Amino acid sequence: MKKILIITDDAGESFEILYAQHRFREAGYRPVIAASQKKMLHGVIHDFEPGWTTYIEKPGYLIQADMAIAQVRPSQYEAILLIGGRAPECLRHNDRLIKIVQEFHRRGKWIFSICHGIQILLAAGLGAGRTMTCYRNVRFEVRQCGGTWIDRQSVIDAKGKLVTSQTWESHADFYRDIFAVMGG
């Protein structure tokens, strides 16, 4: 069975993690969650409340990481998905993870990013000259790294092998694009 690598950690967005697991399983892939350690992760729930200028955060689901990032071998996976939430602000400092994302790029494998997952992609140096989307309050980082931010639910970059999306509210468009580019 073909495998998809899902990258997250504590404070990863619960809905994005669980939805990814289910959608990839439904499509016949084996999703594998990698985090800083193989452990039970503390997910979060980000929601949009009337009157707030940004999201609010609540404790989310406990989700088991299948393996530590240090154990990942990119050759074993069809694609990588960088989950949002607050986890990317820490994960983008993980040198091993940055090398993994760069290796997916070098091998011409698909890279998917949702919400704040873009912070990892940008830390890997893969933003320049790319057209992307992400959570709107991270768009500054896209532009600072030489990318073009588009206010759209999901964006397939014309340079290839990159699909980005804004938030869990983008799931329908994001996964429609993912499975279209992966051939099913």
Protein backbone atom coordinates (compact mmCIF):
# COMPACT_ATOMS: atom_id res chain seq x y z
CA MET A 1 0.00 0.00 0.00
CA LYS A 2 1.33 3.45 -0.93
CA LYS A 3 2.18 5.64 2.05
CA ILE A 4 1.64 9.36 2.72
CA LEU A 5 3.78 11.08 5.35
CA ILE A 6 1.85 13.46 7.63
CA ILE A 7 4.01 15.88 9.64
CA THR A 8 2.67 17.37 12.87
CA ASP A 9 3.37 17.59 16.60
CA ASP A 10 1.85 18.87 19.82
CA ALA A 11 -0.46 21.80 19.01
CA GLY A 12 -1.14 20.47 15.51
CA GLU A 13 -4.66 21.20 14.30
CA SER A 14 -6.74 18.14 15.29
CA PHE A 15 -9.29 18.40 12.49
CA GLU A 16 -6.58 18.73 9.83
CA ILE A 17 -4.77 15.64 11.15
CA LEU A 18 -7.83 13.42 11.52
CA TYR A 19 -9.38 14.52 8.23
CA ALA A 20 -6.11 13.78 6.41
CA GLN A 21 -5.90 10.30 7.94
CA HIS A 22 -9.45 9.49 6.90
CA ARG A 23 -9.27 10.92 3.38
CA PHE A 24 -6.02 9.16 2.56
CA ARG A 25 -7.31 5.86 3.95
CA GLU A 26 -10.50 6.22 1.90
CA ALA A 27 -8.35 6.73 -1.19
CA GLY A 28 -6.33 3.57 -0.51
CA TYR A 29 -3.19 5.14 0.98
CA ARG A 30 -1.57 4.40 4.31
CA PRO A 31 -1.14 7.68 6.23
CA VAL A 32 1.85 7.74 8.60
CA ILE A 33 2.11 10.47 11.22
CA ALA A 34 5.63 11.62 12.10
CA ALA A 35 6.38 14.04 14.93
CA SER A 36 9.36 15.08 17.01
CA GLN A 37 8.83 11.86 18.99
CA LYS A 38 6.68 8.75 18.68
CA LYS A 39 4.11 9.57 21.34
CA MET A 40 0.53 10.59 21.99
CA LEU A 41 0.25 14.11 20.57
CA HIS A 42 -1.88 16.86 22.07
CA GLY A 43 -3.86 18.31 19.18
CA VAL A 44 -5.62 21.65 19.26
CA ILE A 45 -8.83 23.00 17.81
CA HIS A 46 -8.67 26.38 16.13
CA ASP A 47 -11.96 28.05 15.48
CA PHE A 48 -13.15 31.37 14.19
CA GLU A 49 -15.36 33.33 16.58
CA PRO A 50 -17.39 36.40 15.67
CA GLY A 51 -15.68 39.59 16.81
CA TRP A 52 -12.18 38.06 16.99
CA THR A 53 -9.53 39.21 14.51
CA THR A 54 -7.85 35.80 14.49
CA TYR A 55 -8.67 32.24 15.53
CA ILE A 56 -9.14 30.99 19.07
CA GLU A 57 -7.48 27.82 20.38
CA LYS A 58 -8.98 25.05 22.49
CA PRO A 59 -7.55 21.68 23.54
CA GLY A 60 -8.17 19.11 20.84
CA TYR A 61 -7.87 15.38 20.38
CA LEU A 62 -5.07 13.08 21.48
CA ILE A 63 -3.55 11.59 18.33
CA GLN A 64 -0.85 8.92 18.18
CA ALA A 65 2.32 9.70 16.23
CA ASP A 66 3.41 6.59 14.36
CA MET A 67 7.09 7.49 14.34
CA ALA A 68 9.70 10.11 15.12
CA ILE A 69 10.83 12.45 12.36
CA ALA A 70 14.36 11.08 12.82
CA GLN A 71 13.12 7.70 11.52
CA VAL A 72 11.59 9.01 8.29
CA ARG A 73 12.99 7.79 4.96
CA PRO A 74 11.46 9.89 2.14
CA SER A 75 11.93 7.12 -0.42
CA GLN A 76 9.16 5.15 1.32
CA TYR A 77 6.45 7.77 0.72
CA GLU A 78 4.45 9.07 -2.24
CA ALA A 79 3.97 12.54 -0.75
CA ILE A 80 4.32 14.64 2.39
CA LEU A 81 1.61 16.69 4.11
CA LEU A 82 2.58 19.54 6.44
CA ILE A 83 -0.24 20.07 8.94
CA GLY A 84 -1.11 23.46 10.44
CA GLY A 85 -1.84 24.60 13.94
CA ARG A 86 0.96 25.95 16.11
CA ALA A 87 3.17 22.85 15.67
CA PRO A 88 4.94 24.27 12.57
CA GLU A 89 6.36 27.23 14.49
CA CYS A 90 8.50 24.71 16.42
CA LEU A 91 8.93 22.07 13.72
CA ARG A 92 10.43 24.57 11.28
CA HIS A 93 13.51 24.57 13.53
CA ASN A 94 13.97 20.79 13.21
CA ASP A 95 16.98 20.39 10.90
CA ARG A 96 16.15 16.77 10.09
CA LEU A 97 12.62 17.72 9.03
CA ILE A 98 13.90 20.54 6.83
CA LYS A 99 16.20 18.05 5.06
CA ILE A 100 13.29 15.63 4.63
CA VAL A 101 11.10 18.30 2.99
CA GLN A 102 13.99 19.31 0.72
CA GLU A 103 14.53 15.67 -0.24
CA PHE A 104 10.86 15.27 -1.18
CA HIS A 105 11.34 18.29 -3.43
CA ARG A 106 14.58 16.94 -4.96
CA ARG A 107 12.94 13.59 -5.66
CA GLY A 108 10.01 15.31 -7.42
CA LYS A 109 7.45 14.06 -4.90
CA TRP A 110 4.29 15.93 -4.01
CA ILE A 111 4.38 18.33 -1.08
CA PHE A 112 1.07 19.39 0.47
CA SER A 113 0.73 22.15 3.05
CA ILE A 114 -2.25 23.46 4.96
CA CYS A 115 -2.57 26.57 7.12
CA HIS A 116 0.60 27.22 9.17
CA GLY A 117 2.29 24.17 7.60
CA ILE A 118 3.66 26.69 5.11
CA GLN A 119 6.14 27.79 7.79
CA ILE A 120 7.95 24.46 7.43
CA LEU A 121 7.91 24.68 3.63
CA LEU A 122 9.35 28.20 3.75
CA ALA A 123 12.01 27.22 6.29
CA ALA A 124 13.07 24.53 3.80
CA GLY A 125 13.70 27.29 1.25
CA LEU A 126 10.94 26.23 -1.12
CA GLY A 127 8.92 29.46 -1.29
CA ALA A 128 10.80 31.62 -3.77
CA GLY A 129 9.04 31.97 -7.10
CA ARG A 130 6.11 29.82 -5.99
CA THR A 131 2.41 30.66 -5.97
CA MET A 132 0.82 29.54 -2.71
CA THR A 133 -1.85 30.07 -0.13
CA CYS A 134 -1.95 29.55 3.63
CA TYR A 135 -3.70 30.98 6.67
CA ARG A 136 -4.05 34.64 5.76
CA ASN A 137 -2.09 35.89 8.79
CA VAL A 138 0.99 33.95 7.63
CA ARG A 139 0.95 35.45 4.11
CA PHE A 140 3.63 37.96 5.13
CA GLU A 141 6.10 35.08 5.52
CA VAL A 142 5.26 33.76 2.04
CA ARG A 143 5.97 37.18 0.52
CA GLN A 144 9.16 37.68 2.57
CA CYS A 145 10.47 34.35 1.25
CA GLY A 146 9.86 35.36 -2.38
CA GLY A 147 6.55 33.61 -2.94
CA THR A 148 3.25 34.92 -4.23
CA TRP A 149 0.29 34.54 -1.88
CA ILE A 150 -3.18 34.08 -3.38
CA ASP A 151 -6.40 34.39 -1.37
CA ARG A 152 -7.89 31.09 -2.50
CA GLN A 153 -8.92 27.94 -0.59
CA SER A 154 -6.42 25.73 -2.43
CA VAL A 155 -3.61 26.49 -4.88
CA ILE A 156 -1.72 24.13 -7.17
CA ASP A 157 1.61 25.80 -7.94
CA ALA A 158 2.34 25.96 -11.69
CA LYS A 159 6.00 25.02 -11.10
CA GLY A 160 4.70 21.67 -9.98
CA LYS A 161 4.50 19.21 -7.11
CA LEU A 162 3.10 21.68 -4.56
CA VAL A 163 -0.48 22.09 -3.33
CA THR A 164 -1.26 24.54 -0.53
CA SER A 165 -4.43 25.51 1.31
CA GLN A 166 -5.65 28.02 3.86
CA THR A 167 -7.31 26.27 6.82
CA TRP A 168 -9.46 23.27 7.69
CA GLU A 169 -12.28 25.24 6.08
CA SER A 170 -10.45 24.54 2.79
CA HIS A 171 -10.60 20.74 3.08
CA ALA A 172 -13.04 20.14 0.21
CA ASP A 173 -11.02 22.15 -2.31
CA PHE A 174 -7.64 21.01 -0.93
CA TYR A 175 -8.33 17.28 -1.08
CA ARG A 176 -10.07 17.59 -4.46
CA ASP A 177 -6.83 19.14 -5.75
CA ILE A 178 -4.62 16.60 -3.96
CA PHE A 179 -6.37 13.61 -5.46
CA ALA A 180 -6.59 15.24 -8.88
CA VAL A 181 -2.81 15.72 -9.03
CA MET A 182 -2.12 12.28 -7.59
CA GLY A 183 -4.29 10.65 -10.20
CA GLY A 184 -7.27 9.55 -8.21
